[in-house]
Amino acid sequence: MPPTRSPDSTLPSAAVPWLIACTTDANDGLRMNAALALKLGTGIAVAQTMEHLLEDASLRIRFIAASALLPRNPGHVVAGAVLVDA
C-alpha cells in the first residue's frame, strides 16, 4: 500500500516528523535537504519549522525557508529580509 501523502503535496505525511527532526542537525547539508523536502509539505508544524529556519546560520537554508513562506504570506517581514540578504 502506498504511503499516506500530505494534502496538495507529494510529501508522505509520515516523512514530515523525520524531516523536521533533521532540520536541527549540525550538518548543513542535511538541514538544507530536509528544508527542501519540507517545502512540499503543508501544515502548522512545517510552517513553524520554516519560521525557525529563517534564523539558521546558513544563508542558503534561510533562503529556502523564506521561499517556502513568502508565497503563503507575501508580507512576511523576516522572510523578505532574508531575500534582501541573499
Foldseek 3Di string as FASTA:
>chain_A
DDADCAPQFPQRPVCLVVLLVQCPDPDPVSNQVSLQSLLRHDDDSSLVSLVVQCPPPDLSSVQSSLVSVCVVPVVPPSSVVSVVVD
